[in-house]
Amino acid sequence: LVFYGAVIFSWGVDAVLETEVFPRKKIQRGVRDSIKRLLHYCILLIGL
């Protein structure tokens, strides 16, 4: 459940960044994908 919670939390962070943070900062698409991917792997590693 802890690891599954980390996966769900990663998806939530991804959604918040995509809908709330990135549009306001006007960050390029390539930078967005890099930040989301790195955060995703970091959260999964901490959860594991």
All heavy atoms as atom14 arrays in JSON, in Angstrom:
{
  "sequence": "LVFYGAVIFSWGVDAVLETEVFPRKKIQRGVRDSIKRLLHYCILLIGL",
  "atom14_mask": [
    [1, 1, 1, 1, 1, 1, 1, 1, 0, 0, 0, 0, 0, 0],
    [1, 1, 1, 1, 1, 1, 1, 0, 0, 0, 0, 0, 0, 0],
    [1, 1, 1, 1, 1, 1, 1, 1, 1, 1, 1, 0, 0, 0],
    [1, 1, 1, 1, 1, 1, 1, 1, 1, 1, 1, 1, 0, 0],
    [1, 1, 1, 1, 0, 0, 0, 0, 0, 0, 0, 0, 0, 0],
    [1, 1, 1, 1, 1, 0, 0, 0, 0, 0, 0, 0, 0, 0],
    [1, 1, 1, 1, 1, 1, 1, 0, 0, 0, 0, 0, 0, 0],
    [1, 1, 1, 1, 1, 1, 1, 1, 0, 0, 0, 0, 0, 0],
    [1, 1, 1, 1, 1, 1, 1, 1, 1, 1, 1, 0, 0, 0],
    [1, 1, 1, 1, 1, 1, 0, 0, 0, 0, 0, 0, 0, 0],
    [1, 1, 1, 1, 1, 1, 1, 1, 1, 1, 1, 1, 1, 1],
    [1, 1, 1, 1, 0, 0, 0, 0, 0, 0, 0, 0, 0, 0],
    [1, 1, 1, 1, 1, 1, 1, 0, 0, 0, 0, 0, 0, 0],
    [1, 1, 1, 1, 1, 1, 1, 1, 0, 0, 0, 0, 0, 0],
    [1, 1, 1, 1, 1, 0, 0, 0, 0, 0, 0, 0, 0, 0],
    [1, 1, 1, 1, 1, 1, 1, 0, 0, 0, 0, 0, 0, 0],
    [1, 1, 1, 1, 1, 1, 1, 1, 0, 0, 0, 0, 0, 0],
    [1, 1, 1, 1, 1, 1, 1, 1, 1, 0, 0, 0, 0, 0],
    [1, 1, 1, 1, 1, 1, 1, 0, 0, 0, 0, 0, 0, 0],
    [1, 1, 1, 1, 1, 1, 1, 1, 1, 0, 0, 0, 0, 0],
    [1, 1, 1, 1, 1, 1, 1, 0, 0, 0, 0, 0, 0, 0],
    [1, 1, 1, 1, 1, 1, 1, 1, 1, 1, 1, 0, 0, 0],
    [1, 1, 1, 1, 1, 1, 1, 0, 0, 0, 0, 0, 0, 0],
    [1, 1, 1, 1, 1, 1, 1, 1, 1, 1, 1, 0, 0, 0],
    [1, 1, 1, 1, 1, 1, 1, 1, 1, 0, 0, 0, 0, 0],
    [1, 1, 1, 1, 1, 1, 1, 1, 1, 0, 0, 0, 0, 0],
    [1, 1, 1, 1, 1, 1, 1, 1, 0, 0, 0, 0, 0, 0],
    [1, 1, 1, 1, 1, 1, 1, 1, 1, 0, 0, 0, 0, 0],
    [1, 1, 1, 1, 1, 1, 1, 1, 1, 1, 1, 0, 0, 0],
    [1, 1, 1, 1, 0, 0, 0, 0, 0, 0, 0, 0, 0, 0],
    [1, 1, 1, 1, 1, 1, 1, 0, 0, 0, 0, 0, 0, 0],
    [1, 1, 1, 1, 1, 1, 1, 1, 1, 1, 1, 0, 0, 0],
    [1, 1, 1, 1, 1, 1, 1, 1, 0, 0, 0, 0, 0, 0],
    [1, 1, 1, 1, 1, 1, 0, 0, 0, 0, 0, 0, 0, 0],
    [1, 1, 1, 1, 1, 1, 1, 1, 0, 0, 0, 0, 0, 0],
    [1, 1, 1, 1, 1, 1, 1, 1, 1, 0, 0, 0, 0, 0],
    [1, 1, 1, 1, 1, 1, 1, 1, 1, 1, 1, 0, 0, 0],
    [1, 1, 1, 1, 1, 1, 1, 1, 0, 0, 0, 0, 0, 0],
    [1, 1, 1, 1, 1, 1, 1, 1, 0, 0, 0, 0, 0, 0],
    [1, 1, 1, 1, 1, 1, 1, 1, 1, 1, 0, 0, 0, 0],
    [1, 1, 1, 1, 1, 1, 1, 1, 1, 1, 1, 1, 0, 0],
    [1, 1, 1, 1, 1, 1, 0, 0, 0, 0, 0, 0, 0, 0],
    [1, 1, 1, 1, 1, 1, 1, 1, 0, 0, 0, 0, 0, 0],
    [1, 1, 1, 1, 1, 1, 1, 1, 0, 0, 0, 0, 0, 0],
    [1, 1, 1, 1, 1, 1, 1, 1, 0, 0, 0, 0, 0, 0],
    [1, 1, 1, 1, 1, 1, 1, 1, 0, 0, 0, 0, 0, 0],
    [1, 1, 1, 1, 0, 0, 0, 0, 0, 0, 0, 0, 0, 0],
    [1, 1, 1, 1, 1, 1, 1, 1, 0, 0, 0, 0, 0, 0]
  ],
  "atom14_positions": [
    [[0.83, -1.21, 0.0], [0.0, 0.0, 0.0], [0.85, 1.25, 0.0], [0.51, 2.26, -0.64], [-0.94, -0.02, 1.21], [-2.1, -1.01, 1.15], [-2.89, -1.0, 2.47], [-3.03, -0.69, -0.02], [0.0, 0.0, 0.0], [0.0, 0.0, 0.0], [0.0, 0.0, 0.0], [0.0, 0.0, 0.0], [0.0, 0.0, 0.0], [0.0, 0.0, 0.0]],
    [[1.97, 1.22, 0.72], [2.87, 2.39, 0.73], [3.43, 2.65, -0.66], [3.45, 3.79, -1.15], [4.01, 2.16, 1.75], [5.09, 3.22, 1.58], [3.47, 2.19, 3.16], [0.0, 0.0, 0.0], [0.0, 0.0, 0.0], [0.0, 0.0, 0.0], [0.0, 0.0, 0.0], [0.0, 0.0, 0.0], [0.0, 0.0, 0.0], [0.0, 0.0, 0.0]],
    [[3.88, 1.59, -1.34], [4.42, 1.78, -2.68], [3.33, 2.23, -3.66], [3.56, 3.1, -4.5], [5.07, 0.48, -3.17], [5.71, 0.61, -4.52], [6.9, 1.31, -4.67], [5.12, 0.05, -5.64], [7.49, 1.44, -5.92], [5.7, 0.18, -6.89], [6.89, 0.87, -7.03], [0.0, 0.0, 0.0], [0.0, 0.0, 0.0], [0.0, 0.0, 0.0]],
    [[2.14, 1.64, -3.53], [1.03, 2.05, -4.39], [0.65, 3.51, -4.12], [0.33, 4.26, -5.05], [-0.17, 1.14, -4.16], [-1.35, 1.47, -5.04], [-1.32, 1.22, -6.4], [-2.51, 2.03, -4.49], [-2.41, 1.52, -7.21], [-3.59, 2.33, -5.29], [-3.54, 2.08, -6.65], [-4.61, 2.39, -7.45], [0.0, 0.0, 0.0], [0.0, 0.0, 0.0]],
    [[0.71, 3.91, -2.84], [0.46, 5.31, -2.52], [1.47, 6.24, -3.15], [1.13, 7.35, -3.58], [0.0, 0.0, 0.0], [0.0, 0.0, 0.0], [0.0, 0.0, 0.0], [0.0, 0.0, 0.0], [0.0, 0.0, 0.0], [0.0, 0.0, 0.0], [0.0, 0.0, 0.0], [0.0, 0.0, 0.0], [0.0, 0.0, 0.0], [0.0, 0.0, 0.0]],
    [[2.73, 5.79, -3.23], [3.75, 6.61, -3.9], [3.43, 6.78, -5.38], [3.61, 7.87, -5.95], [5.12, 5.97, -3.72], [0.0, 0.0, 0.0], [0.0, 0.0, 0.0], [0.0, 0.0, 0.0], [0.0, 0.0, 0.0], [0.0, 0.0, 0.0], [0.0, 0.0, 0.0], [0.0, 0.0, 0.0], [0.0, 0.0, 0.0], [0.0, 0.0, 0.0]],
    [[2.93, 5.7, -6.01], [2.56, 5.79, -7.43], [1.41, 6.78, -7.62], [1.43, 7.64, -8.52], [2.18, 4.39, -7.96], [1.67, 4.5, -9.39], [3.38, 3.45, -7.88], [0.0, 0.0, 0.0], [0.0, 0.0, 0.0], [0.0, 0.0, 0.0], [0.0, 0.0, 0.0], [0.0, 0.0, 0.0], [0.0, 0.0, 0.0], [0.0, 0.0, 0.0]],
    [[0.38, 6.68, -6.76], [-0.77, 7.59, -6.85], [-0.32, 9.03, -6.6], [-0.75, 9.97, -7.3], [-1.86, 7.18, -5.85], [-2.38, 5.77, -6.18], [-3.01, 8.18, -5.86], [-3.01, 5.65, -7.54], [0.0, 0.0, 0.0], [0.0, 0.0, 0.0], [0.0, 0.0, 0.0], [0.0, 0.0, 0.0], [0.0, 0.0, 0.0], [0.0, 0.0, 0.0]],
    [[0.54, 9.21, -5.61], [1.03, 10.56, -5.3], [1.81, 11.13, -6.49], [1.7, 12.33, -6.8], [1.91, 10.52, -4.06], [2.47, 11.84, -3.66], [1.66, 12.84, -3.13], [3.83, 12.12, -3.83], [2.18, 14.07, -2.77], [4.35, 13.35, -3.48], [3.53, 14.32, -2.94], [0.0, 0.0, 0.0], [0.0, 0.0, 0.0], [0.0, 0.0, 0.0]],
    [[2.59, 10.29, -7.16], [3.33, 10.74, -8.34], [2.38, 11.21, -9.44], [2.61, 12.24, -10.08], [4.23, 9.62, -8.85], [4.85, 9.97, -10.06], [0.0, 0.0, 0.0], [0.0, 0.0, 0.0], [0.0, 0.0, 0.0], [0.0, 0.0, 0.0], [0.0, 0.0, 0.0], [0.0, 0.0, 0.0], [0.0, 0.0, 0.0], [0.0, 0.0, 0.0]],
    [[1.31, 10.45, -9.68], [0.31, 10.87, -10.67], [-0.34, 12.19, -10.29], [-0.58, 13.05, -11.14], [-0.76, 9.8, -10.82], [-0.26, 8.53, -11.45], [0.92, 8.34, -12.11], [-0.94, 7.27, -11.48], [1.04, 7.05, -12.54], [-0.09, 6.35, -12.18], [-2.15, 6.8, -10.99], [-0.44, 5.03, -12.4], [-2.5, 5.48, -11.21], [-1.66, 4.6, -11.9]],
    [[-0.62, 12.36, -9.0], [-1.22, 13.62, -8.54], [-0.3, 14.81, -8.75], [-0.74, 15.88, -9.2], [0.0, 0.0, 0.0], [0.0, 0.0, 0.0], [0.0, 0.0, 0.0], [0.0, 0.0, 0.0], [0.0, 0.0, 0.0], [0.0, 0.0, 0.0], [0.0, 0.0, 0.0], [0.0, 0.0, 0.0], [0.0, 0.0, 0.0], [0.0, 0.0, 0.0]],
    [[0.99, 14.62, -8.42], [1.95, 15.7, -8.64], [2.04, 16.04, -10.11], [2.1, 17.22, -10.51], [3.33, 15.29, -8.07], [4.39, 16.31, -8.49], [3.27, 15.18, -6.56], [0.0, 0.0, 0.0], [0.0, 0.0, 0.0], [0.0, 0.0, 0.0], [0.0, 0.0, 0.0], [0.0, 0.0, 0.0], [0.0, 0.0, 0.0], [0.0, 0.0, 0.0]],
    [[2.04, 15.02, -10.96], [2.07, 15.23, -12.41], [0.87, 16.06, -12.87], [1.01, 17.03, -13.65], [2.08, 13.88, -13.11], [2.37, 13.99, -14.59], [1.93, 14.96, -15.21], [3.04, 13.09, -15.13], [0.0, 0.0, 0.0], [0.0, 0.0, 0.0], [0.0, 0.0, 0.0], [0.0, 0.0, 0.0], [0.0, 0.0, 0.0], [0.0, 0.0, 0.0]],
    [[-0.32, 15.72, -12.37], [-1.53, 16.45, -12.78], [-1.51, 17.9, -12.3], [-1.89, 18.82, -13.04], [-2.77, 15.73, -12.23], [0.0, 0.0, 0.0], [0.0, 0.0, 0.0], [0.0, 0.0, 0.0], [0.0, 0.0, 0.0], [0.0, 0.0, 0.0], [0.0, 0.0, 0.0], [0.0, 0.0, 0.0], [0.0, 0.0, 0.0], [0.0, 0.0, 0.0]],
    [[-1.04, 18.13, -11.06], [-0.98, 19.49, -10.53], [0.0, 20.34, -11.33], [-0.27, 21.5, -11.67], [-0.6, 19.47, -9.04], [-0.31, 20.88, -8.54], [-1.72, 18.84, -8.22], [0.0, 0.0, 0.0], [0.0, 0.0, 0.0], [0.0, 0.0, 0.0], [0.0, 0.0, 0.0], [0.0, 0.0, 0.0], [0.0, 0.0, 0.0], [0.0, 0.0, 0.0]],
    [[1.16, 19.76, -11.64], [2.15, 20.51, -12.42], [1.61, 20.86, -13.8], [1.81, 21.97, -14.3], [3.43, 19.69, -12.55], [4.27, 19.49, -11.28], [5.44, 18.56, -11.56], [4.78, 20.82, -10.74], [0.0, 0.0, 0.0], [0.0, 0.0, 0.0], [0.0, 0.0, 0.0], [0.0, 0.0, 0.0], [0.0, 0.0, 0.0], [0.0, 0.0, 0.0]],
    [[0.92, 19.91, -14.42], [0.45, 20.11, -15.79], [-0.7, 21.11, -15.86], [-0.82, 21.85, -16.86], [0.01, 18.77, -16.39], [-0.24, 18.79, -17.88], [1.03, 19.04, -18.68], [2.1, 18.51, -18.29], [0.96, 19.77, -19.68], [0.0, 0.0, 0.0], [0.0, 0.0, 0.0], [0.0, 0.0, 0.0], [0.0, 0.0, 0.0], [0.0, 0.0, 0.0]],
    [[-1.54, 21.17, -14.84], [-2.73, 22.04, -14.9], [-2.56, 23.37, -14.18], [-3.19, 24.36, -14.55], [-3.94, 21.31, -14.31], [-3.64, 20.92, -12.96], [-4.26, 20.06, -15.13], [0.0, 0.0, 0.0], [0.0, 0.0, 0.0], [0.0, 0.0, 0.0], [0.0, 0.0, 0.0], [0.0, 0.0, 0.0], [0.0, 0.0, 0.0], [0.0, 0.0, 0.0]],
    [[-1.7, 23.4, -13.15], [-1.61, 24.6, -12.32], [-0.28, 25.34, -12.44], [-0.25, 26.57, -12.52], [-1.84, 24.22, -10.84], [-3.19, 23.6, -10.56], [-4.34, 24.57, -10.78], [-4.09, 25.8, -10.7], [-5.46, 24.11, -11.05], [0.0, 0.0, 0.0], [0.0, 0.0, 0.0], [0.0, 0.0, 0.0], [0.0, 0.0, 0.0], [0.0, 0.0, 0.0]],
    [[0.81, 24.62, -12.47], [2.13, 25.26, -12.39], [2.68, 25.63, -13.76], [3.02, 26.79, -14.02], [3.13, 24.34, -11.65], [4.52, 25.0, -11.6], [2.64, 24.04, -10.25], [0.0, 0.0, 0.0], [0.0, 0.0, 0.0], [0.0, 0.0, 0.0], [0.0, 0.0, 0.0], [0.0, 0.0, 0.0], [0.0, 0.0, 0.0], [0.0, 0.0, 0.0]],
    [[2.75, 24.66, -14.66], [3.38, 24.9, -15.95], [2.67, 25.97, -16.8], [3.34, 26.8, -17.42], [3.48, 23.59, -16.73], [4.45, 22.6, -16.14], [4.28, 21.24, -16.3], [5.55, 23.04, -15.41], [5.17, 20.34, -15.76], [6.45, 22.14, -14.85], [6.25, 20.79, -15.02], [0.0, 0.0, 0.0], [0.0, 0.0, 0.0], [0.0, 0.0, 0.0]],
    [[1.33, 25.98, -16.86], [0.69, 27.04, -17.66], [1.0, 28.45, -17.18], [1.12, 29.38, -17.98], [-0.8, 26.72, -17.53], [-0.86, 25.26, -17.22], [0.35, 25.01, -16.37], [0.0, 0.0, 0.0], [0.0, 0.0, 0.0], [0.0, 0.0, 0.0], [0.0, 0.0, 0.0], [0.0, 0.0, 0.0], [0.0, 0.0, 0.0], [0.0, 0.0, 0.0]],
    [[1.14, 28.63, -15.87], [1.44, 29.97, -15.34], [2.87, 30.38, -15.63], [3.15, 31.54, -15.9], [1.18, 29.99, -13.83], [-0.27, 29.75, -13.44], [-0.43, 29.74, -11.94], [-1.82, 29.45, -11.54], [-2.22, 29.34, -10.29], [-1.33, 29.48, -9.3], [-3.48, 29.07, -10.01], [0.0, 0.0, 0.0], [0.0, 0.0, 0.0], [0.0, 0.0, 0.0]],
    [[3.79, 29.43, -15.56], [5.2, 29.73, -15.78], [5.58, 29.76, -17.25], [6.67, 30.19, -17.62], [6.07, 28.69, -15.06], [5.85, 28.64, -13.55], [6.23, 29.96, -12.88], [6.05, 29.87, -11.37], [6.43, 31.13, -10.7], [0.0, 0.0, 0.0], [0.0, 0.0, 0.0], [0.0, 0.0, 0.0], [0.0, 0.0, 0.0], [0.0, 0.0, 0.0]],
    [[4.7, 29.28, -18.11], [4.95, 29.22, -19.56], [6.24, 28.48, -19.87], [7.1, 28.95, -20.61], [5.0, 30.64, -20.16], [3.69, 31.4, -20.03], [3.77, 32.78, -20.65], [2.45, 33.51, -20.52], [2.52, 34.88, -21.12], [0.0, 0.0, 0.0], [0.0, 0.0, 0.0], [0.0, 0.0, 0.0], [0.0, 0.0, 0.0], [0.0, 0.0, 0.0]],
    [[6.37, 27.29, -19.26], [7.55, 26.46, -19.46], [7.4, 25.65, -20.74], [6.32, 25.18, -21.07], [7.76, 25.52, -18.25], [7.92, 26.35, -16.97], [8.97, 24.61, -18.45], [8.04, 25.51, -15.72], [0.0, 0.0, 0.0], [0.0, 0.0, 0.0], [0.0, 0.0, 0.0], [0.0, 0.0, 0.0], [0.0, 0.0, 0.0], [0.0, 0.0, 0.0]],
    [[8.51, 25.51, -21.49], [8.47, 24.77, -22.74], [8.12, 23.31, -22.51], [8.35, 22.76, -21.44], [9.83, 24.87, -23.45], [10.19, 26.28, -23.88], [11.53, 26.31, -24.58], [12.2, 25.3, -24.71], [11.93, 27.49, -25.03], [0.0, 0.0, 0.0], [0.0, 0.0, 0.0], [0.0, 0.0, 0.0], [0.0, 0.0, 0.0], [0.0, 0.0, 0.0]],
    [[7.58, 22.7, -23.57], [7.11, 21.32, -23.46], [8.23, 20.36, -23.07], [8.04, 19.46, -22.25], [6.49, 20.89, -24.79], [5.84, 19.51, -24.74], [4.62, 19.53, -23.85], [4.07, 18.2, -23.64], [3.05, 17.95, -22.84], [2.47, 18.93, -22.17], [2.59, 16.73, -22.69], [0.0, 0.0, 0.0], [0.0, 0.0, 0.0], [0.0, 0.0, 0.0]],
    [[9.4, 20.52, -23.66], [10.5, 19.63, -23.34], [10.94, 19.72, -21.89], [11.23, 18.71, -21.24], [0.0, 0.0, 0.0], [0.0, 0.0, 0.0], [0.0, 0.0, 0.0], [0.0, 0.0, 0.0], [0.0, 0.0, 0.0], [0.0, 0.0, 0.0], [0.0, 0.0, 0.0], [0.0, 0.0, 0.0], [0.0, 0.0, 0.0], [0.0, 0.0, 0.0]],
    [[10.96, 20.94, -21.33], [11.32, 21.13, -19.92], [10.26, 20.51, -19.03], [10.57, 19.89, -18.0], [11.49, 22.62, -19.61], [11.86, 22.84, -18.15], [12.57, 23.23, -20.51], [0.0, 0.0, 0.0], [0.0, 0.0, 0.0], [0.0, 0.0, 0.0], [0.0, 0.0, 0.0], [0.0, 0.0, 0.0], [0.0, 0.0, 0.0], [0.0, 0.0, 0.0]],
    [[8.99, 20.66, -19.39], [7.9, 20.05, -18.61], [8.08, 18.55, -18.49], [8.02, 17.98, -17.4], [6.56, 20.35, -19.27], [6.16, 21.81, -19.33], [4.78, 21.93, -19.95], [4.35, 23.31, -20.09], [3.15, 23.68, -20.52], [2.25, 22.75, -20.85], [2.83, 24.95, -20.61], [0.0, 0.0, 0.0], [0.0, 0.0, 0.0], [0.0, 0.0, 0.0]],
    [[8.31, 17.89, -19.61], [8.45, 16.44, -19.6], [9.66, 16.0, -18.79], [9.62, 14.98, -18.08], [8.54, 15.9, -21.02], [7.24, 16.08, -21.79], [6.18, 16.15, -21.14], [7.29, 16.16, -23.03], [0.0, 0.0, 0.0], [0.0, 0.0, 0.0], [0.0, 0.0, 0.0], [0.0, 0.0, 0.0], [0.0, 0.0, 0.0], [0.0, 0.0, 0.0]],
    [[10.74, 16.75, -18.85], [11.94, 16.41, -18.08], [11.66, 16.5, -16.58], [12.01, 15.6, -15.81], [13.09, 17.34, -18.47], [13.41, 17.22, -19.84], [0.0, 0.0, 0.0], [0.0, 0.0, 0.0], [0.0, 0.0, 0.0], [0.0, 0.0, 0.0], [0.0, 0.0, 0.0], [0.0, 0.0, 0.0], [0.0, 0.0, 0.0], [0.0, 0.0, 0.0]],
    [[11.02, 17.59, -16.15], [10.72, 17.77, -14.72], [9.77, 16.69, -14.24], [9.98, 16.07, -13.18], [10.13, 19.17, -14.48], [11.19, 20.25, -14.77], [9.63, 19.31, -13.04], [10.65, 21.66, -14.67], [0.0, 0.0, 0.0], [0.0, 0.0, 0.0], [0.0, 0.0, 0.0], [0.0, 0.0, 0.0], [0.0, 0.0, 0.0], [0.0, 0.0, 0.0]],
    [[8.71, 16.41, -14.99], [7.74, 15.4, -14.57], [8.37, 14.02, -14.48], [8.1, 13.26, -13.54], [6.56, 15.39, -15.54], [5.67, 16.61, -15.47], [4.39, 16.42, -16.26], [4.65, 16.17, -17.7], [3.41, 16.02, -18.49], [0.0, 0.0, 0.0], [0.0, 0.0, 0.0], [0.0, 0.0, 0.0], [0.0, 0.0, 0.0], [0.0, 0.0, 0.0]],
    [[9.2, 13.69, -15.44], [9.81, 12.36, -15.43], [10.76, 12.18, -14.25], [10.76, 11.15, -13.57], [10.55, 12.14, -16.76], [10.92, 10.69, -17.0], [11.53, 10.55, -18.39], [10.59, 10.96, -19.41], [9.67, 10.16, -19.91], [9.55, 8.92, -19.48], [8.85, 10.59, -20.85], [0.0, 0.0, 0.0], [0.0, 0.0, 0.0], [0.0, 0.0, 0.0]],
    [[11.57, 13.2, -13.98], [12.51, 13.1, -12.86], [11.77, 13.03, -11.52], [12.13, 12.23, -10.64], [13.47, 14.29, -12.88], [14.48, 14.31, -14.03], [15.29, 15.6, -14.01], [15.42, 13.11, -13.94], [0.0, 0.0, 0.0], [0.0, 0.0, 0.0], [0.0, 0.0, 0.0], [0.0, 0.0, 0.0], [0.0, 0.0, 0.0], [0.0, 0.0, 0.0]],
    [[10.74, 13.85, -11.34], [9.96, 13.78, -10.1], [9.28, 12.42, -9.94], [9.2, 11.88, -8.84], [8.91, 14.91, -10.09], [9.44, 16.32, -9.79], [8.31, 17.33, -9.9], [10.07, 16.37, -8.41], [0.0, 0.0, 0.0], [0.0, 0.0, 0.0], [0.0, 0.0, 0.0], [0.0, 0.0, 0.0], [0.0, 0.0, 0.0], [0.0, 0.0, 0.0]],
    [[8.8, 11.88, -11.04], [8.13, 10.58, -11.0], [9.08, 9.5, -10.48], [8.74, 8.73, -9.56], [7.62, 10.22, -12.38], [7.05, 8.84, -12.5], [5.86, 8.47, -11.93], [7.53, 7.73, -13.12], [5.61, 7.2, -12.18], [6.62, 6.72, -12.9], [0.0, 0.0, 0.0], [0.0, 0.0, 0.0], [0.0, 0.0, 0.0], [0.0, 0.0, 0.0]],
    [[10.29, 9.46, -11.04], [11.25, 8.44, -10.61], [11.73, 8.68, -9.18], [11.95, 7.72, -8.43], [12.43, 8.4, -11.57], [12.09, 7.81, -12.92], [12.3, 8.52, -14.09], [11.55, 6.53, -13.03], [11.99, 7.99, -15.33], [11.23, 5.98, -14.25], [11.45, 6.71, -15.4], [11.13, 6.18, -16.63], [0.0, 0.0, 0.0], [0.0, 0.0, 0.0]],
    [[11.9, 9.92, -8.78], [12.32, 10.21, -7.4], [11.26, 9.76, -6.39], [11.58, 9.15, -5.36], [12.61, 11.7, -7.24], [14.11, 12.25, -8.08], [0.0, 0.0, 0.0], [0.0, 0.0, 0.0], [0.0, 0.0, 0.0], [0.0, 0.0, 0.0], [0.0, 0.0, 0.0], [0.0, 0.0, 0.0], [0.0, 0.0, 0.0], [0.0, 0.0, 0.0]],
    [[9.98, 10.05, -6.68], [8.9, 9.65, -5.76], [8.8, 8.13, -5.68], [8.63, 7.55, -4.6], [7.58, 10.28, -6.21], [7.63, 11.81, -6.05], [6.4, 9.72, -5.41], [6.43, 12.53, -6.64], [0.0, 0.0, 0.0], [0.0, 0.0, 0.0], [0.0, 0.0, 0.0], [0.0, 0.0, 0.0], [0.0, 0.0, 0.0], [0.0, 0.0, 0.0]],
    [[8.91, 7.46, -6.82], [8.86, 6.0, -6.8], [10.04, 5.4, -6.03], [9.87, 4.41, -5.29], [8.85, 5.45, -8.23], [7.59, 5.7, -9.06], [7.69, 4.98, -10.4], [6.35, 5.24, -8.31], [0.0, 0.0, 0.0], [0.0, 0.0, 0.0], [0.0, 0.0, 0.0], [0.0, 0.0, 0.0], [0.0, 0.0, 0.0], [0.0, 0.0, 0.0]],
    [[11.22, 5.99, -6.16], [12.38, 5.48, -5.43], [12.19, 5.65, -3.93], [12.47, 4.72, -3.14], [13.64, 6.21, -5.89], [14.95, 5.8, -5.2], [15.23, 4.32, -5.45], [16.11, 6.66, -5.71], [0.0, 0.0, 0.0], [0.0, 0.0, 0.0], [0.0, 0.0, 0.0], [0.0, 0.0, 0.0], [0.0, 0.0, 0.0], [0.0, 0.0, 0.0]],
    [[11.68, 6.82, -3.51], [11.43, 7.04, -2.08], [10.36, 6.08, -1.57], [10.47, 5.5, -0.48], [11.01, 8.51, -1.85], [12.18, 9.45, -2.16], [10.55, 8.71, -0.4], [11.8, 10.92, -2.11], [0.0, 0.0, 0.0], [0.0, 0.0, 0.0], [0.0, 0.0, 0.0], [0.0, 0.0, 0.0], [0.0, 0.0, 0.0], [0.0, 0.0, 0.0]],
    [[9.3, 5.88, -2.36], [8.25, 4.94, -1.97], [8.76, 3.51, -1.86], [8.39, 2.77, -0.93], [0.0, 0.0, 0.0], [0.0, 0.0, 0.0], [0.0, 0.0, 0.0], [0.0, 0.0, 0.0], [0.0, 0.0, 0.0], [0.0, 0.0, 0.0], [0.0, 0.0, 0.0], [0.0, 0.0, 0.0], [0.0, 0.0, 0.0], [0.0, 0.0, 0.0]],
    [[9.64, 3.1, -2.78], [10.19, 1.75, -2.74], [11.06, 1.55, -1.5], [10.95, 0.51, -0.81], [10.99, 1.49, -4.01], [11.67, 0.11, -4.1], [10.63, -1.0, -4.08], [12.53, 0.03, -5.36], [0.0, 0.0, 0.0], [0.0, 0.0, 0.0], [0.0, 0.0, 0.0], [0.0, 0.0, 0.0], [0.0, 0.0, 0.0], [0.0, 0.0, 0.0]]
  ]
}
